Amino acid sequence: MRVTILPAMIVSALLLTACSGPAPRPEASTGTIPQASRPVSEKGYEVVMYAMGLLDTGYRFGGKNPEAGLDCSGMVSYIYGRAAGVKVAGSAADIARNGRPIARDELRPGDLVFFNTLNRSLSHVGIYIGDTRFIHAPSTNGRVRIDRLSDGYYAQRFEAARTFFD
């Protein structure tokens, strides 16, 4: 078990370090989200670190734990409960209804991002990890992975951001 946890912790530390620098200049990059003016939440970092340990976990529709496989809302529920002690449940749309709306440029690590991926509003959810990246459990390719909000597919389908921390 230590063999799999150590690389995940190293990756998490590197990603969190990359996210903690100054906001990029708009003219220096494309597709970035300005650094949130809200202070970074300790619980948000815990959520991100826990999520990193689940990278490459298999996808399973309706899945609520890593041993059986996870879907997007099951992954969020599982991580929020274990890493932050916050109970979220139901579909991606249910989770969105219970979170506090925030603007896209206010995203911090640990906040949630929602997409319309099934021709249905708020049908997919992921956890924002910083620098336009989010971790999620998509059915396509069947594994928990990291993607960017600026990727064509997700950029076109982004709908909302929510937070449970403050």
N, C-alpha and C. Protein backbone atom coordinates (compact mmCIF):
# COMPACT_ATOMS: atom_id res chain seq x y z
N MET A 1 0.83 -1.19 0.00
CA MET A 1 0.00 0.00 0.00
C MET A 1 0.87 1.25 0.00
N ARG A 2 1.98 1.24 0.72
CA ARG A 2 2.85 2.43 0.77
C ARG A 2 3.39 2.78 -0.60
N VAL A 3 3.60 1.79 -1.44
CA VAL A 3 4.14 2.04 -2.77
C VAL A 3 3.19 2.90 -3.58
N THR A 4 1.87 2.68 -3.48
CA THR A 4 0.92 3.46 -4.27
C THR A 4 0.61 4.80 -3.62
N ILE A 5 0.69 4.89 -2.33
CA ILE A 5 0.37 6.15 -1.65
C ILE A 5 1.48 7.17 -1.84
N LEU A 6 2.75 6.75 -1.76
CA LEU A 6 3.86 7.67 -1.88
C LEU A 6 3.87 8.41 -3.21
N PRO A 7 3.75 7.73 -4.37
CA PRO A 7 3.72 8.48 -5.64
C PRO A 7 2.53 9.44 -5.70
N ALA A 8 1.38 9.04 -5.17
CA ALA A 8 0.22 9.93 -5.19
C ALA A 8 0.48 11.17 -4.34
N MET A 9 1.15 11.00 -3.21
CA MET A 9 1.46 12.14 -2.35
C MET A 9 2.45 13.08 -3.02
N ILE A 10 3.43 12.51 -3.73
CA ILE A 10 4.42 13.33 -4.43
C ILE A 10 3.74 14.12 -5.54
N VAL A 11 2.91 13.44 -6.33
CA VAL A 11 2.17 14.12 -7.40
C VAL A 11 1.30 15.21 -6.81
N SER A 12 0.62 14.92 -5.71
CA SER A 12 -0.24 15.92 -5.06
C SER A 12 0.57 17.13 -4.63
N ALA A 13 1.70 16.89 -4.00
CA ALA A 13 2.53 18.00 -3.54
C ALA A 13 3.01 18.84 -4.70
N LEU A 14 3.42 18.20 -5.80
CA LEU A 14 3.87 18.95 -6.97
C LEU A 14 2.74 19.77 -7.57
N LEU A 15 1.57 19.18 -7.70
CA LEU A 15 0.43 19.90 -8.27
C LEU A 15 0.00 21.05 -7.37
N LEU A 16 -0.01 20.83 -6.07
CA LEU A 16 -0.41 21.90 -5.16
C LEU A 16 0.62 23.02 -5.16
N THR A 17 1.90 22.67 -5.27
CA THR A 17 2.93 23.69 -5.35
C THR A 17 2.76 24.50 -6.62
N ALA A 18 2.47 23.83 -7.72
CA ALA A 18 2.26 24.54 -8.99
C ALA A 18 1.07 25.48 -8.91
N CYS A 19 0.09 25.14 -8.12
CA CYS A 19 -1.11 25.95 -8.01
C CYS A 19 -0.94 27.13 -7.08
N SER A 20 0.10 27.13 -6.25
CA SER A 20 0.20 28.15 -5.22
C SER A 20 0.97 29.39 -5.64
N GLY A 21 1.51 29.40 -6.84
CA GLY A 21 2.27 30.56 -7.30
C GLY A 21 1.37 31.72 -7.65
N PRO A 22 1.97 32.82 -8.07
CA PRO A 22 1.17 33.98 -8.44
C PRO A 22 0.32 33.70 -9.66
N ALA A 23 -0.75 34.44 -9.79
CA ALA A 23 -1.65 34.27 -10.93
C ALA A 23 -0.90 34.61 -12.21
N PRO A 24 -1.12 33.82 -13.27
CA PRO A 24 -0.43 34.11 -14.52
C PRO A 24 -0.94 35.41 -15.13
N ARG A 25 -0.06 36.09 -15.85
CA ARG A 25 -0.49 37.29 -16.55
C ARG A 25 -1.37 36.88 -17.71
N PRO A 26 -2.51 37.55 -17.92
CA PRO A 26 -3.41 37.17 -19.00
C PRO A 26 -2.73 37.12 -20.36
N GLU A 27 -1.79 38.03 -20.63
CA GLU A 27 -1.14 38.04 -21.93
C GLU A 27 -0.12 36.92 -22.07
N ALA A 28 0.25 36.27 -20.96
CA ALA A 28 1.29 35.24 -21.00
C ALA A 28 0.73 33.86 -21.25
N SER A 29 -0.57 33.66 -21.12
CA SER A 29 -1.10 32.32 -21.31
C SER A 29 -2.54 32.40 -21.80
N THR A 30 -3.01 31.27 -22.29
CA THR A 30 -4.40 31.20 -22.73
C THR A 30 -5.10 30.10 -21.95
N GLY A 31 -6.38 30.26 -21.75
CA GLY A 31 -7.15 29.22 -21.09
C GLY A 31 -6.98 29.15 -19.59
N THR A 32 -6.36 30.13 -18.98
CA THR A 32 -6.20 30.08 -17.54
C THR A 32 -7.32 30.84 -16.87
N ILE A 33 -7.55 30.51 -15.62
CA ILE A 33 -8.54 31.19 -14.81
C ILE A 33 -7.77 32.02 -13.81
N PRO A 34 -8.06 33.32 -13.69
CA PRO A 34 -7.34 34.12 -12.70
C PRO A 34 -7.45 33.51 -11.31
N GLN A 35 -6.43 33.73 -10.50
CA GLN A 35 -6.41 33.21 -9.14
C GLN A 35 -7.61 33.75 -8.36
N ALA A 36 -8.29 32.89 -7.65
CA ALA A 36 -9.47 33.29 -6.89
C ALA A 36 -9.10 34.30 -5.81
N SER A 37 -9.99 35.24 -5.58
CA SER A 37 -9.73 36.23 -4.54
C SER A 37 -10.08 35.68 -3.17
N ARG A 38 -10.84 34.57 -3.12
CA ARG A 38 -11.15 33.94 -1.84
C ARG A 38 -9.91 33.17 -1.38
N PRO A 39 -9.64 33.18 -0.08
CA PRO A 39 -8.48 32.42 0.40
C PRO A 39 -8.69 30.92 0.18
N VAL A 40 -7.58 30.23 -0.05
CA VAL A 40 -7.66 28.79 -0.28
C VAL A 40 -8.07 28.09 1.00
N SER A 41 -8.98 27.16 0.87
CA SER A 41 -9.52 26.43 2.01
C SER A 41 -8.65 25.22 2.35
N GLU A 42 -8.39 25.02 3.63
CA GLU A 42 -7.64 23.84 4.06
C GLU A 42 -8.40 22.56 3.68
N LYS A 43 -9.72 22.58 3.85
CA LYS A 43 -10.53 21.42 3.47
C LYS A 43 -10.45 21.19 1.96
N GLY A 44 -10.38 22.26 1.21
CA GLY A 44 -10.25 22.12 -0.25
C GLY A 44 -8.97 21.40 -0.62
N TYR A 45 -7.87 21.76 0.02
CA TYR A 45 -6.61 21.07 -0.23
C TYR A 45 -6.69 19.60 0.18
N GLU A 46 -7.34 19.32 1.29
CA GLU A 46 -7.50 17.93 1.72
C GLU A 46 -8.28 17.14 0.67
N VAL A 47 -9.32 17.75 0.14
CA VAL A 47 -10.12 17.10 -0.91
C VAL A 47 -9.25 16.80 -2.13
N VAL A 48 -8.46 17.77 -2.56
CA VAL A 48 -7.61 17.57 -3.73
C VAL A 48 -6.58 16.47 -3.49
N MET A 49 -5.94 16.49 -2.34
CA MET A 49 -4.94 15.47 -2.05
C MET A 49 -5.56 14.07 -2.02
N TYR A 50 -6.74 13.96 -1.43
CA TYR A 50 -7.42 12.67 -1.38
C TYR A 50 -7.79 12.22 -2.79
N ALA A 51 -8.29 13.15 -3.58
CA ALA A 51 -8.69 12.83 -4.96
C ALA A 51 -7.51 12.32 -5.78
N MET A 52 -6.34 12.91 -5.59
CA MET A 52 -5.15 12.48 -6.33
C MET A 52 -4.82 11.01 -6.06
N GLY A 53 -5.12 10.56 -4.87
CA GLY A 53 -4.88 9.16 -4.54
C GLY A 53 -5.82 8.21 -5.26
N LEU A 54 -6.87 8.74 -5.88
CA LEU A 54 -7.84 7.90 -6.59
C LEU A 54 -7.65 7.94 -8.11
N LEU A 55 -6.61 8.63 -8.58
CA LEU A 55 -6.35 8.65 -10.01
C LEU A 55 -6.25 7.23 -10.55
N ASP A 56 -6.82 7.00 -11.70
CA ASP A 56 -6.81 5.72 -12.40
C ASP A 56 -7.75 4.68 -11.80
N THR A 57 -8.56 5.07 -10.80
CA THR A 57 -9.60 4.17 -10.28
C THR A 57 -10.62 3.92 -11.39
N GLY A 58 -11.11 2.71 -11.47
CA GLY A 58 -12.05 2.36 -12.53
C GLY A 58 -13.40 3.06 -12.39
N TYR A 59 -14.05 3.26 -13.55
CA TYR A 59 -15.38 3.86 -13.60
C TYR A 59 -16.44 2.76 -13.48
N ARG A 60 -17.50 3.09 -12.77
CA ARG A 60 -18.66 2.22 -12.71
C ARG A 60 -19.90 3.08 -12.51
N PHE A 61 -20.87 2.97 -13.40
CA PHE A 61 -22.10 3.75 -13.27
C PHE A 61 -22.74 3.45 -11.92
N GLY A 62 -23.04 4.49 -11.16
CA GLY A 62 -23.63 4.33 -9.84
C GLY A 62 -22.62 3.96 -8.76
N GLY A 63 -21.34 3.88 -9.14
CA GLY A 63 -20.29 3.48 -8.19
C GLY A 63 -20.04 4.51 -7.11
N LYS A 64 -19.94 4.04 -5.87
CA LYS A 64 -19.78 4.95 -4.73
C LYS A 64 -18.55 4.67 -3.89
N ASN A 65 -17.72 3.69 -4.31
CA ASN A 65 -16.47 3.45 -3.59
C ASN A 65 -15.42 2.94 -4.57
N PRO A 66 -14.15 3.19 -4.26
CA PRO A 66 -13.08 2.85 -5.20
C PRO A 66 -12.93 1.35 -5.47
N GLU A 67 -13.29 0.53 -4.51
CA GLU A 67 -13.15 -0.91 -4.71
C GLU A 67 -14.08 -1.42 -5.80
N ALA A 68 -15.29 -0.90 -5.86
CA ALA A 68 -16.27 -1.32 -6.86
C ALA A 68 -16.20 -0.47 -8.12
N GLY A 69 -15.61 0.71 -8.02
CA GLY A 69 -15.58 1.67 -9.12
C GLY A 69 -16.41 2.89 -8.76
N LEU A 70 -16.12 4.00 -9.41
CA LEU A 70 -16.77 5.27 -9.09
C LEU A 70 -17.38 5.90 -10.32
N ASP A 71 -18.53 6.54 -10.16
CA ASP A 71 -18.99 7.46 -11.19
C ASP A 71 -18.70 8.87 -10.67
N CYS A 72 -19.06 9.89 -11.43
CA CYS A 72 -18.64 11.25 -11.04
C CYS A 72 -19.21 11.70 -9.70
N SER A 73 -20.50 11.52 -9.50
CA SER A 73 -21.11 11.97 -8.24
C SER A 73 -20.70 11.07 -7.08
N GLY A 74 -20.53 9.78 -7.34
CA GLY A 74 -20.05 8.86 -6.30
C GLY A 74 -18.64 9.22 -5.86
N MET A 75 -17.81 9.62 -6.81
CA MET A 75 -16.44 10.03 -6.49
C MET A 75 -16.45 11.27 -5.59
N VAL A 76 -17.25 12.28 -5.97
CA VAL A 76 -17.33 13.51 -5.18
C VAL A 76 -17.85 13.20 -3.77
N SER A 77 -18.90 12.42 -3.69
CA SER A 77 -19.48 12.05 -2.38
C SER A 77 -18.45 11.35 -1.50
N TYR A 78 -17.78 10.39 -2.09
CA TYR A 78 -16.79 9.59 -1.36
C TYR A 78 -15.65 10.49 -0.84
N ILE A 79 -15.09 11.31 -1.72
CA ILE A 79 -13.96 12.16 -1.36
C ILE A 79 -14.36 13.22 -0.34
N TYR A 80 -15.46 13.91 -0.58
CA TYR A 80 -15.89 14.96 0.35
C TYR A 80 -16.15 14.38 1.74
N GLY A 81 -16.77 13.22 1.80
CA GLY A 81 -17.06 12.60 3.10
C GLY A 81 -15.81 12.21 3.85
N ARG A 82 -14.85 11.61 3.15
CA ARG A 82 -13.65 11.11 3.81
C ARG A 82 -12.60 12.19 4.05
N ALA A 83 -12.41 13.07 3.09
CA ALA A 83 -11.34 14.06 3.21
C ALA A 83 -11.75 15.31 3.98
N ALA A 84 -13.04 15.68 3.89
CA ALA A 84 -13.45 16.95 4.49
C ALA A 84 -14.58 16.80 5.50
N GLY A 85 -15.13 15.59 5.63
CA GLY A 85 -16.23 15.38 6.56
C GLY A 85 -17.51 16.10 6.13
N VAL A 86 -17.64 16.33 4.83
CA VAL A 86 -18.82 17.02 4.30
C VAL A 86 -19.68 16.01 3.56
N LYS A 87 -20.93 15.93 3.94
CA LYS A 87 -21.84 14.97 3.30
C LYS A 87 -22.50 15.60 2.08
N VAL A 88 -22.21 15.04 0.93
CA VAL A 88 -22.90 15.40 -0.31
C VAL A 88 -23.41 14.10 -0.91
N ALA A 89 -24.59 14.12 -1.46
CA ALA A 89 -25.15 12.88 -1.99
C ALA A 89 -26.04 13.18 -3.18
N GLY A 90 -26.35 12.11 -3.91
CA GLY A 90 -27.25 12.21 -5.05
C GLY A 90 -26.50 12.38 -6.35
N SER A 91 -27.24 12.78 -7.36
CA SER A 91 -26.67 12.98 -8.69
C SER A 91 -25.85 14.26 -8.74
N ALA A 92 -25.18 14.47 -9.85
CA ALA A 92 -24.43 15.72 -10.03
C ALA A 92 -25.36 16.92 -9.87
N ALA A 93 -26.55 16.84 -10.43
CA ALA A 93 -27.52 17.95 -10.32
C ALA A 93 -27.93 18.18 -8.86
N ASP A 94 -28.12 17.08 -8.10
CA ASP A 94 -28.47 17.21 -6.68
C ASP A 94 -27.35 17.91 -5.91
N ILE A 95 -26.12 17.51 -6.19
CA ILE A 95 -24.97 18.10 -5.52
C ILE A 95 -24.89 19.59 -5.86
N ALA A 96 -25.11 19.93 -7.12
CA ALA A 96 -25.06 21.33 -7.54
C ALA A 96 -26.11 22.16 -6.81
N ARG A 97 -27.29 21.62 -6.63
CA ARG A 97 -28.37 22.36 -5.95
C ARG A 97 -28.02 22.67 -4.50
N ASN A 98 -27.19 21.84 -3.88
CA ASN A 98 -26.85 22.02 -2.47
C ASN A 98 -25.59 22.85 -2.23
N GLY A 99 -24.81 23.09 -3.27
CA GLY A 99 -23.60 23.90 -3.12
C GLY A 99 -23.91 25.37 -3.30
N ARG A 100 -22.98 26.20 -2.85
CA ARG A 100 -23.13 27.64 -3.01
C ARG A 100 -22.54 28.05 -4.36
N PRO A 101 -23.33 28.69 -5.21
CA PRO A 101 -22.82 29.12 -6.52
C PRO A 101 -21.64 30.09 -6.39
N ILE A 102 -20.66 29.89 -7.23
CA ILE A 102 -19.53 30.82 -7.31
C ILE A 102 -19.24 31.07 -8.79
N ALA A 103 -18.59 32.17 -9.07
CA ALA A 103 -18.20 32.48 -10.44
C ALA A 103 -17.01 31.61 -10.83
N ARG A 104 -16.88 31.35 -12.10
CA ARG A 104 -15.78 30.52 -12.60
C ARG A 104 -14.43 31.09 -12.18
N ASP A 105 -14.31 32.41 -12.18
CA ASP A 105 -13.02 33.01 -11.81
C ASP A 105 -12.80 33.03 -10.29
N GLU A 106 -13.72 32.48 -9.53
CA GLU A 106 -13.57 32.36 -8.07
C GLU A 106 -13.23 30.94 -7.65
N LEU A 107 -13.03 30.02 -8.60
CA LEU A 107 -12.72 28.64 -8.26
C LEU A 107 -11.43 28.53 -7.45
N ARG A 108 -11.47 27.67 -6.44
CA ARG A 108 -10.30 27.32 -5.63
C ARG A 108 -10.20 25.80 -5.61
N PRO A 109 -9.02 25.28 -5.29
CA PRO A 109 -8.90 23.83 -5.17
C PRO A 109 -9.94 23.27 -4.19
N GLY A 110 -10.60 22.20 -4.62
CA GLY A 110 -11.62 21.55 -3.81
C GLY A 110 -13.03 21.95 -4.18
N ASP A 111 -13.20 23.06 -4.92
CA ASP A 111 -14.54 23.44 -5.39
C ASP A 111 -14.99 22.48 -6.48
N LEU A 112 -16.26 22.52 -6.79
CA LEU A 112 -16.82 21.60 -7.77
C LEU A 112 -17.16 22.31 -9.07
N VAL A 113 -16.94 21.61 -10.18
CA VAL A 113 -17.27 22.12 -11.50
C VAL A 113 -18.29 21.18 -12.14
N PHE A 114 -19.25 21.75 -12.84
CA PHE A 114 -20.38 20.99 -13.40
C PHE A 114 -20.49 21.22 -14.90
N PHE A 115 -20.91 20.16 -15.59
CA PHE A 115 -20.97 20.17 -17.04
C PHE A 115 -22.28 19.55 -17.53
N ASN A 116 -22.64 19.89 -18.76
CA ASN A 116 -23.74 19.25 -19.46
C ASN A 116 -23.12 18.28 -20.45
N THR A 117 -22.99 17.02 -20.06
CA THR A 117 -22.34 16.03 -20.92
C THR A 117 -23.32 15.02 -21.51
N LEU A 118 -24.54 15.01 -21.06
CA LEU A 118 -25.53 14.04 -21.54
C LEU A 118 -26.74 14.73 -22.17
N ASN A 119 -26.50 15.95 -22.67
CA ASN A 119 -27.61 16.73 -23.19
C ASN A 119 -28.63 17.00 -22.09
N ARG A 120 -28.12 17.09 -20.87
CA ARG A 120 -28.95 17.32 -19.68
C ARG A 120 -28.15 18.21 -18.74
N SER A 121 -28.77 19.26 -18.28
CA SER A 121 -28.10 20.22 -17.42
C SER A 121 -27.52 19.54 -16.17
N LEU A 122 -26.30 19.97 -15.81
CA LEU A 122 -25.62 19.50 -14.60
C LEU A 122 -25.54 17.97 -14.52
N SER A 123 -25.14 17.35 -15.62
CA SER A 123 -25.10 15.89 -15.68
C SER A 123 -23.73 15.30 -15.31
N HIS A 124 -22.71 16.14 -15.13
CA HIS A 124 -21.38 15.64 -14.78
C HIS A 124 -20.73 16.60 -13.80
N VAL A 125 -19.95 16.06 -12.85
CA VAL A 125 -19.28 16.88 -11.84
C VAL A 125 -17.83 16.43 -11.68
N GLY A 126 -16.97 17.40 -11.40
CA GLY A 126 -15.57 17.13 -11.11
C GLY A 126 -15.09 18.04 -9.99
N ILE A 127 -13.90 17.77 -9.49
CA ILE A 127 -13.30 18.56 -8.41
C ILE A 127 -12.19 19.41 -9.01
N TYR A 128 -12.30 20.73 -8.84
CA TYR A 128 -11.30 21.65 -9.35
C TYR A 128 -10.02 21.51 -8.52
N ILE A 129 -8.87 21.40 -9.22
CA ILE A 129 -7.60 21.23 -8.49
C ILE A 129 -6.66 22.42 -8.69
N GLY A 130 -7.01 23.35 -9.57
CA GLY A 130 -6.19 24.54 -9.80
C GLY A 130 -5.70 24.63 -11.23
N ASP A 131 -5.38 25.85 -11.66
CA ASP A 131 -4.82 26.11 -12.98
C ASP A 131 -5.64 25.48 -14.11
N THR A 132 -6.92 25.64 -14.06
CA THR A 132 -7.93 25.14 -15.02
C THR A 132 -8.08 23.61 -15.02
N ARG A 133 -7.43 22.91 -14.11
CA ARG A 133 -7.51 21.45 -14.09
C ARG A 133 -8.56 20.97 -13.10
N PHE A 134 -9.16 19.84 -13.43
CA PHE A 134 -10.11 19.21 -12.53
C PHE A 134 -9.96 17.71 -12.64
N ILE A 135 -10.30 17.02 -11.55
CA ILE A 135 -10.24 15.57 -11.50
C ILE A 135 -11.67 15.06 -11.49
N HIS A 136 -11.92 14.00 -12.26
CA HIS A 136 -13.29 13.50 -12.38
C HIS A 136 -13.28 12.04 -12.80
N ALA A 137 -14.47 11.45 -12.77
CA ALA A 137 -14.66 10.05 -13.14
C ALA A 137 -15.56 9.99 -14.36
N PRO A 138 -14.99 10.18 -15.56
CA PRO A 138 -15.80 10.13 -16.76
C PRO A 138 -16.03 8.68 -17.21
N SER A 139 -17.15 8.43 -17.85
CA SER A 139 -17.41 7.09 -18.36
C SER A 139 -16.51 6.81 -19.57
N THR A 140 -16.15 7.84 -20.32
CA THR A 140 -15.25 7.68 -21.46
C THR A 140 -13.86 7.33 -20.96
N ASN A 141 -13.29 6.29 -21.47
CA ASN A 141 -11.98 5.77 -21.07
C ASN A 141 -11.99 5.14 -19.68
N GLY A 142 -13.09 5.20 -18.98
CA GLY A 142 -13.34 4.42 -17.78
C GLY A 142 -12.40 4.52 -16.60
N ARG A 143 -11.77 5.68 -16.37
CA ARG A 143 -10.84 5.84 -15.25
C ARG A 143 -10.94 7.25 -14.68
N VAL A 144 -10.69 7.39 -13.37
CA VAL A 144 -10.58 8.71 -12.75
C VAL A 144 -9.34 9.37 -13.35
N ARG A 145 -9.51 10.60 -13.82
CA ARG A 145 -8.39 11.28 -14.48
C ARG A 145 -8.50 12.79 -14.31
N ILE A 146 -7.47 13.48 -14.78
CA ILE A 146 -7.42 14.94 -14.75
C ILE A 146 -7.60 15.47 -16.16
N ASP A 147 -8.44 16.48 -16.31
CA ASP A 147 -8.61 17.19 -17.57
C ASP A 147 -8.58 18.68 -17.28
N ARG A 148 -8.64 19.48 -18.34
CA ARG A 148 -8.63 20.94 -18.21
C ARG A 148 -9.99 21.51 -18.60
N LEU A 149 -10.40 22.55 -17.87
CA LEU A 149 -11.63 23.26 -18.22
C LEU A 149 -11.52 23.87 -19.61
N SER A 150 -10.31 24.16 -20.03
CA SER A 150 -10.10 24.80 -21.34
C SER A 150 -10.08 23.81 -22.50
N ASP A 151 -10.07 22.49 -22.22
CA ASP A 151 -10.15 21.50 -23.29
C ASP A 151 -11.45 21.71 -24.04
N GLY A 152 -11.40 21.60 -25.35
CA GLY A 152 -12.57 21.87 -26.19
C GLY A 152 -13.86 21.22 -25.70
N TYR A 153 -13.81 19.94 -25.41
CA TYR A 153 -15.02 19.22 -24.99
C TYR A 153 -15.60 19.81 -23.71
N TYR A 154 -14.77 20.01 -22.71
CA TYR A 154 -15.26 20.52 -21.42
C TYR A 154 -15.54 22.02 -21.46
N ALA A 155 -14.75 22.77 -22.21
CA ALA A 155 -14.99 24.21 -22.32
C ALA A 155 -16.39 24.48 -22.90
N GLN A 156 -16.80 23.68 -23.87
CA GLN A 156 -18.11 23.85 -24.49
C GLN A 156 -19.25 23.41 -23.59
N ARG A 157 -18.97 22.56 -22.63
CA ARG A 157 -20.03 21.97 -21.80
C ARG A 157 -20.06 22.47 -20.35
N PHE A 158 -19.10 23.34 -19.99
CA PHE A 158 -19.06 23.88 -18.63
C PHE A 158 -20.35 24.63 -18.33
N GLU A 159 -20.94 24.38 -17.16
CA GLU A 159 -22.19 25.04 -16.79
C GLU A 159 -22.12 25.84 -15.49
N ALA A 160 -21.44 25.32 -14.48
CA ALA A 160 -21.51 25.98 -13.19
C ALA A 160 -20.35 25.57 -12.29
N ALA A 161 -20.13 26.39 -11.27
CA ALA A 161 -19.16 26.10 -10.22
C ALA A 161 -19.86 26.27 -8.88
N ARG A 162 -19.52 25.40 -7.95
CA ARG A 162 -20.12 25.45 -6.61
C ARG A 162 -19.04 25.21 -5.57
N THR A 163 -19.28 25.73 -4.37
CA THR A 163 -18.38 25.47 -3.26
C THR A 163 -19.18 25.00 -2.06
N PHE A 164 -18.52 24.21 -1.23
CA PHE A 164 -19.09 23.77 0.04
C PHE A 164 -18.22 24.27 1.19
N PHE A 165 -17.19 25.07 0.86
CA PHE A 165 -16.24 25.53 1.87
C PHE A 165 -16.25 27.03 2.00
N ASP A 166 -16.15 27.52 3.22
CA ASP A 166 -15.94 28.94 3.52
C ASP A 166 -15.94 29.21 4.96
